[in-house]
């Protein structure tokens, strides 16, 4: 996989004076079925999160509140995204290293994942990720 496959997906937004509604359907708006949802919140200013890669997992990251930046790396090139709208999701395929940083106060990052948690799917060490991604 390459960072060129990572992209912002604009999700449906139903506008209403009483409040907007956005929804996500697996295999419709995103190219995978959703098997897990988790979210990051209360990240202190100046802290970063993630710093890992996945062997097989597909993800969609959404800034539900506030904003944060995501640096993606396929071992050959890097690409940066800034997420700050709850109707935009960042699609991340397998074999991409990700670093999340620059969290605004009160930000919430929701992640939709293609699989249930499996520690064996993670690259926790960047050098190990590079060995596999560049082979």
Protein backbone atom coordinates (compact mmCIF):
# COMPACT_ATOMS: atom_id res chain seq x y z
CA UNK A 1 0.00 0.00 0.00
CA UNK A 2 1.07 3.59 -0.46
CA UNK A 3 0.09 6.90 1.09
CA UNK A 4 -1.42 7.81 -2.28
CA UNK A 5 -4.27 5.42 -1.39
CA UNK A 6 -5.01 7.39 1.79
CA UNK A 7 -7.68 9.97 1.20
CA UNK A 8 -10.32 12.16 2.71
CA UNK A 9 -13.81 10.76 2.27
CA UNK A 10 -16.64 13.27 2.49
CA UNK A 11 -19.48 11.66 4.40
CA UNK A 12 -23.16 12.45 3.93
CA UNK A 13 -24.26 15.57 5.77
CA UNK A 14 -27.94 16.19 6.31
CA UNK A 15 -28.30 19.83 7.27
CA UNK A 16 -31.12 20.89 9.54
CA UNK A 17 -31.61 24.08 11.60
CA UNK A 18 -32.03 21.81 14.65
CA UNK A 19 -28.61 20.23 14.09
CA UNK A 20 -26.81 18.31 11.38
CA UNK A 21 -26.64 14.54 10.94
CA UNK A 22 -23.86 12.48 9.37
CA UNK A 23 -23.76 8.71 8.98
CA UNK A 24 -21.31 6.08 7.73
CA UNK A 25 -22.21 2.78 6.11
CA UNK A 26 -19.56 0.11 5.63
CA UNK A 27 -19.06 -1.01 2.01
CA UNK A 28 -21.03 2.05 0.92
CA UNK A 29 -19.26 5.20 2.10
CA UNK A 30 -16.08 3.38 3.09
CA UNK A 31 -14.40 0.37 1.43
CA UNK A 32 -14.74 -2.04 4.37
CA UNK A 33 -17.23 -3.44 6.87
CA UNK A 34 -17.05 -1.89 10.34
CA UNK A 35 -16.16 -4.39 13.07
CA UNK A 36 -14.87 -2.02 15.76
CA UNK A 37 -15.32 1.61 16.80
CA UNK A 38 -13.11 3.42 19.29
CA UNK A 39 -12.26 7.01 20.11
CA UNK A 40 -9.46 9.09 21.59
CA UNK A 41 -10.29 12.03 23.84
CA UNK A 42 -8.81 14.15 26.63
CA UNK A 43 -5.44 14.10 24.84
CA UNK A 44 -3.28 16.72 26.61
CA UNK A 45 -1.96 19.57 24.50
CA UNK A 46 1.41 18.77 22.96
CA UNK A 47 0.92 15.00 23.20
CA UNK A 48 0.87 12.64 20.23
CA UNK A 49 -0.92 9.32 19.76
CA UNK A 50 -0.80 6.28 17.52
CA UNK A 51 2.83 5.86 16.29
CA UNK A 52 2.12 2.44 14.85
CA UNK A 53 1.09 0.63 11.69
CA UNK A 54 -1.20 -2.26 10.84
CA UNK A 55 -0.59 -5.31 8.70
CA UNK A 56 -4.18 -5.88 7.55
CA UNK A 57 -6.48 -3.35 9.26
CA UNK A 58 -8.38 -0.66 7.33
CA UNK A 59 -9.45 2.45 9.25
CA UNK A 60 -11.46 5.63 8.89
CA UNK A 61 -10.48 8.46 11.27
CA UNK A 62 -12.91 11.28 11.99
CA UNK A 63 -12.42 14.43 14.08
CA UNK A 64 -15.75 14.32 15.91
CA UNK A 65 -14.86 17.48 17.82
CA UNK A 66 -11.92 19.85 17.60
CA UNK A 67 -9.00 19.08 15.34
CA UNK A 68 -5.75 17.14 15.04
CA UNK A 69 -3.12 16.31 12.44
CA UNK A 70 -2.21 12.91 11.01
CA UNK A 71 1.13 12.08 9.41
CA UNK A 72 0.99 8.96 7.24
CA UNK A 73 4.06 7.07 6.06
CA UNK A 74 4.29 4.06 3.74
CA UNK A 75 8.05 3.64 4.20
CA UNK A 76 8.85 5.54 1.02
CA UNK A 77 6.84 8.74 1.22
CA UNK A 78 4.88 10.70 3.79
CA UNK A 79 1.63 12.64 3.60
CA UNK A 80 0.02 14.92 6.18
CA UNK A 81 -3.67 15.56 6.79
CA UNK A 82 -5.40 17.96 9.16
CA UNK A 83 -8.82 16.78 10.33
CA UNK A 84 -11.29 19.33 11.69
CA UNK A 85 -14.74 18.49 10.29
CA UNK A 86 -17.02 15.72 11.58
CA UNK A 87 -18.27 14.92 8.07
CA UNK A 88 -14.78 14.21 6.68
CA UNK A 89 -13.08 10.90 7.35
CA UNK A 90 -9.49 9.93 6.59
CA UNK A 91 -9.27 6.48 5.01
CA UNK A 92 -6.11 4.58 5.95
CA UNK A 93 -5.47 1.19 4.32
CA UNK A 94 -3.12 -1.47 5.76
CA UNK A 95 0.68 -1.05 5.82
CA UNK A 96 0.65 2.66 6.61
CA UNK A 97 2.43 4.05 9.67
CA UNK A 98 0.43 6.79 11.41
CA UNK A 99 1.25 9.53 13.90
CA UNK A 100 -1.50 11.74 15.37
CA UNK A 101 -0.50 15.08 16.89
CA UNK A 102 -1.45 18.74 17.30
CA UNK A 103 -4.69 17.93 19.15
CA UNK A 104 -6.84 20.96 19.92
CA UNK A 105 -8.44 21.33 23.33
CA UNK A 106 -11.50 19.09 23.66
CA UNK A 107 -10.81 17.16 20.46
CA UNK A 108 -12.27 13.70 19.91
CA UNK A 109 -10.89 11.29 17.29
CA UNK A 110 -13.26 8.46 16.36
CA UNK A 111 -11.87 5.48 14.45
CA UNK A 112 -13.89 2.94 12.48
CA UNK A 113 -11.93 -0.27 11.99
CA UNK A 114 -12.32 -3.24 9.66
CA UNK A 115 -11.40 -5.82 12.33
CA UNK A 116 -11.68 -6.45 16.03
CA UNK A 117 -8.60 -5.69 18.13
CA UNK A 118 -5.71 -8.05 17.36
CA UNK A 119 -2.30 -7.20 18.83
CA UNK A 120 -0.57 -9.41 16.23
CA UNK A 121 -1.76 -7.02 13.49
CA UNK A 122 0.28 -4.11 14.90
CA UNK A 123 3.70 -2.78 14.02
CA UNK A 124 4.80 -1.02 17.22
CA UNK A 125 8.40 -0.50 16.11
CA UNK A 126 9.06 1.81 13.14
CA UNK A 127 12.21 -0.07 12.06
CA UNK A 128 10.27 -3.36 11.93
CA UNK A 129 7.59 -1.61 9.86
CA UNK A 130 10.23 -0.27 7.44
CA UNK A 131 11.80 -3.72 6.96
CA UNK A 132 8.46 -5.18 5.88
CA UNK A 133 7.16 -2.18 3.93
CA UNK A 134 10.34 -1.79 1.88
CA UNK A 135 10.79 -5.48 1.06
